[in-house]
Structures are given as structure tokens and as C-alpha cells.
Amino acid sequence: MRITKYGTAHWAGGLKDGKGTVSTESGALSAQPYGFNTRFEGVAGTNPEELIGAAHAACFAMALSAILGEAGLTATALDSKSVVTLEKQPDGFTVTGIHLTLAATIPGATESRFQDLAAKAKAGCPISRLLNAPITLEATLST
């Protein structure tokens, strides 16, 4: 099975004075604003790190749900959070870490089994593995 989904971004202007919008194929996000101020100054709007965090938290919860099902368990609640850290480095800004947390209610699960299954889900989550994925670029210029 192969699934492809997309997100789009529009940007106009310079880094600090420019403005952009992001949208998703599904329409869940439609022209949501982002910019230097939403990324670095706490102004309302979204930013790439927040979007990665949301995608990671959602993917991990779904991966764990699948793994729990294979183990004969069903969660009544999986609340995950993925905190993405962006830091200025000598060669530019870099995502330096992601901290994933989970609060789970899983009837019949023991602590050790839960920890094993959660670790398996973290390792197998497609977004957890994202940075190892090949990326291709096709760029065109209009003048």
C-alpha cells in the first residue's frame, strides 16, 4: 500500500517582514498564517515545529493503538505530546530534539508490557523515522 498526502505553503516577503500561509490537502488547515513572528516571537499562528509536533504525536498514538491491538489490548485513552526543540547553532537553526510524552489508559496492561509496546511504537512510528526518509526536490522558477 502506498499513501501520499500533501501540505502547501505560500510565502511573500523577506524573512522578518514576510508572511505566509499553510494548508493541508484535507482542508483541516486552510491558509493558516505563519511567519517569523509566529515562529520566534509567540504571535498567534502556526509554525513548522508545531506542525511537526502535532504530526508526531498523532502518528505515535496511532502506531501504539495498532501495536496494542496486535497484543490483544485496547486503549481507552492515549494522550501524546511531541515537543520539538529548535535551537540556533553556528550554521543556522536546527531541530535539536523531540521529546515525546504519553499518558495512557489501557485496561489489562501491565507496566512492563506497556513500556515495551510504547517503545516499539516510538521506533516504528513513520514520523519518528521521518528524518531518515529520502527527500527529492523539483524546483522551477518563473520570472
Protein backbone atom coordinates (compact mmCIF):
# COMPACT_ATOMS: atom_id res chain seq x y z
CA MET A 1 0.00 0.00 0.00
CA ARG A 2 1.25 3.48 -0.83
CA ILE A 3 -0.35 6.64 0.51
CA THR A 4 0.59 10.16 -0.49
CA LYS A 5 -0.67 13.31 1.19
CA TYR A 6 0.40 16.89 0.81
CA GLY A 7 0.64 20.20 2.54
CA THR A 8 1.26 23.54 0.87
CA ALA A 9 2.87 26.78 1.93
CA HIS A 10 2.77 30.24 0.43
CA TRP A 11 5.29 32.90 1.43
CA ALA A 12 5.72 36.51 0.36
CA GLY A 13 8.34 38.99 1.53
CA GLY A 14 11.55 38.83 3.48
CA LEU A 15 12.27 36.62 6.46
CA LYS A 16 11.28 39.07 9.19
CA ASP A 17 8.67 41.15 7.39
CA GLY A 18 7.22 38.38 5.21
CA LYS A 19 4.03 36.49 5.79
CA GLY A 20 2.95 33.02 4.83
CA THR A 21 0.09 30.56 4.98
CA VAL A 22 -0.01 26.78 5.25
CA SER A 23 -2.76 24.46 4.10
CA THR A 24 -3.36 20.73 4.04
CA GLU A 25 -4.86 18.53 1.36
CA SER A 26 -7.77 17.61 3.63
CA GLY A 27 -8.59 21.23 4.40
CA ALA A 28 -8.03 20.69 8.12
CA LEU A 29 -5.62 23.61 7.80
CA SER A 30 -6.65 26.20 5.26
CA ALA A 31 -4.47 29.27 4.75
CA GLN A 32 -3.32 29.25 8.37
CA PRO A 33 -0.90 32.15 8.95
CA TYR A 34 2.74 31.69 9.80
CA GLY A 35 5.75 33.94 9.81
CA PHE A 36 8.85 34.98 11.67
CA ASN A 37 6.67 36.37 14.44
CA THR A 38 4.66 33.14 14.88
CA ARG A 39 7.83 31.08 14.89
CA PHE A 40 10.13 33.17 17.05
CA GLU A 41 8.05 35.81 18.84
CA GLY A 42 4.99 33.97 20.19
CA VAL A 43 2.44 35.69 17.94
CA ALA A 44 -0.74 33.71 17.19
CA GLY A 45 -0.41 31.45 14.16
CA THR A 46 1.40 28.24 13.46
CA ASN A 47 4.98 27.28 12.66
CA PRO A 48 6.81 24.28 11.20
CA GLU A 49 7.92 22.89 14.58
CA GLU A 50 4.39 22.95 15.97
CA LEU A 51 3.11 21.15 12.88
CA ILE A 52 5.83 18.50 13.17
CA GLY A 53 4.98 18.07 16.85
CA ALA A 54 1.28 17.58 16.11
CA ALA A 55 2.02 15.13 13.31
CA HIS A 56 4.42 13.17 15.50
CA ALA A 57 2.04 13.00 18.48
CA ALA A 58 -0.82 11.83 16.24
CA CYS A 59 1.29 9.27 14.38
CA PHE A 60 2.71 7.83 17.60
CA ALA A 61 -0.76 7.44 19.15
CA MET A 62 -2.00 5.63 16.04
CA ALA A 63 1.11 3.41 15.90
CA LEU A 64 0.68 2.48 19.56
CA SER A 65 -3.00 1.75 19.02
CA ALA A 66 -2.08 -0.70 16.25
CA ILE A 67 0.59 -2.38 18.37
CA LEU A 68 -1.78 -2.62 21.33
CA GLY A 69 -4.36 -4.29 19.08
CA GLU A 70 -1.77 -6.86 17.96
CA ALA A 71 -1.13 -7.57 21.66
CA GLY A 72 -4.86 -8.02 22.35
CA LEU A 73 -5.19 -4.70 24.17
CA THR A 74 -7.32 -1.62 23.51
CA ALA A 75 -6.65 1.80 24.97
CA THR A 76 -9.48 3.88 26.31
CA ALA A 77 -7.20 6.94 26.12
CA LEU A 78 -3.84 7.76 24.56
CA ASP A 79 -2.80 11.37 25.08
CA SER A 80 0.54 12.07 23.44
CA LYS A 81 2.61 15.21 23.17
CA SER A 82 5.65 15.80 20.99
CA VAL A 83 7.75 18.83 21.93
CA VAL A 84 10.05 19.88 19.09
CA THR A 85 13.07 21.97 20.10
CA LEU A 86 14.57 24.41 17.60
CA GLU A 87 17.89 25.99 18.52
CA LYS A 88 20.25 28.44 16.89
CA GLN A 89 23.50 26.69 16.01
CA PRO A 90 26.65 28.17 14.47
CA ASP A 91 25.48 27.10 11.00
CA GLY A 92 21.81 28.13 11.45
CA PHE A 93 18.68 26.95 13.23
CA THR A 94 18.41 23.20 13.77
CA VAL A 95 15.84 20.89 15.33
CA THR A 96 17.98 19.57 18.17
CA GLY A 97 15.50 17.26 19.80
CA ILE A 98 12.00 15.94 20.14
CA HIS A 99 10.55 14.92 23.49
CA LEU A 100 7.60 12.55 23.24
CA THR A 101 5.32 12.02 26.25
CA LEU A 102 2.32 9.78 26.67
CA ALA A 103 -0.44 9.40 29.25
CA ALA A 104 -2.34 6.19 28.58
CA THR A 105 -5.27 4.27 29.96
CA ILE A 106 -5.09 0.67 28.79
CA PRO A 107 -7.22 -1.84 30.69
CA GLY A 108 -5.37 -5.11 31.32
CA ALA A 109 -1.89 -3.78 30.50
CA THR A 110 0.99 -4.28 32.92
CA GLU A 111 3.57 -1.54 33.36
CA SER A 112 6.40 -3.53 31.80
CA ARG A 113 4.28 -4.67 28.81
CA PHE A 114 3.07 -1.09 28.33
CA GLN A 115 6.64 0.24 28.32
CA ASP A 116 7.72 -2.39 25.78
CA LEU A 117 4.81 -1.67 23.47
CA ALA A 118 5.26 2.11 23.75
CA ALA A 119 8.96 1.77 22.85
CA LYS A 120 8.03 -0.40 19.87
CA ALA A 121 5.51 2.21 18.72
CA LYS A 122 8.06 5.01 19.06
CA ALA A 123 10.59 3.09 16.98
CA GLY A 124 8.04 2.12 14.34
CA CYS A 125 6.10 5.36 14.01
CA PRO A 126 6.60 6.68 10.46
CA ILE A 127 7.03 10.26 11.68
CA SER A 128 9.65 9.09 14.22
CA ARG A 129 11.54 7.66 11.26
CA LEU A 130 10.92 10.68 9.05
CA LEU A 131 14.38 12.19 9.12
CA ASN A 132 15.81 9.02 7.61
CA ALA A 133 13.47 9.22 4.62
CA PRO A 134 14.81 10.17 1.21
CA ILE A 135 13.73 13.62 0.07
CA THR A 136 13.56 14.68 -3.55
CA LEU A 137 13.22 18.22 -4.83
CA GLU A 138 11.89 19.52 -8.11
CA ALA A 139 12.17 23.31 -8.31
CA THR A 140 11.05 25.63 -11.10
CA LEU A 141 11.46 29.37 -11.45
CA SER A 142 9.07 31.80 -13.09
CA THR A 143 10.23 35.29 -13.89
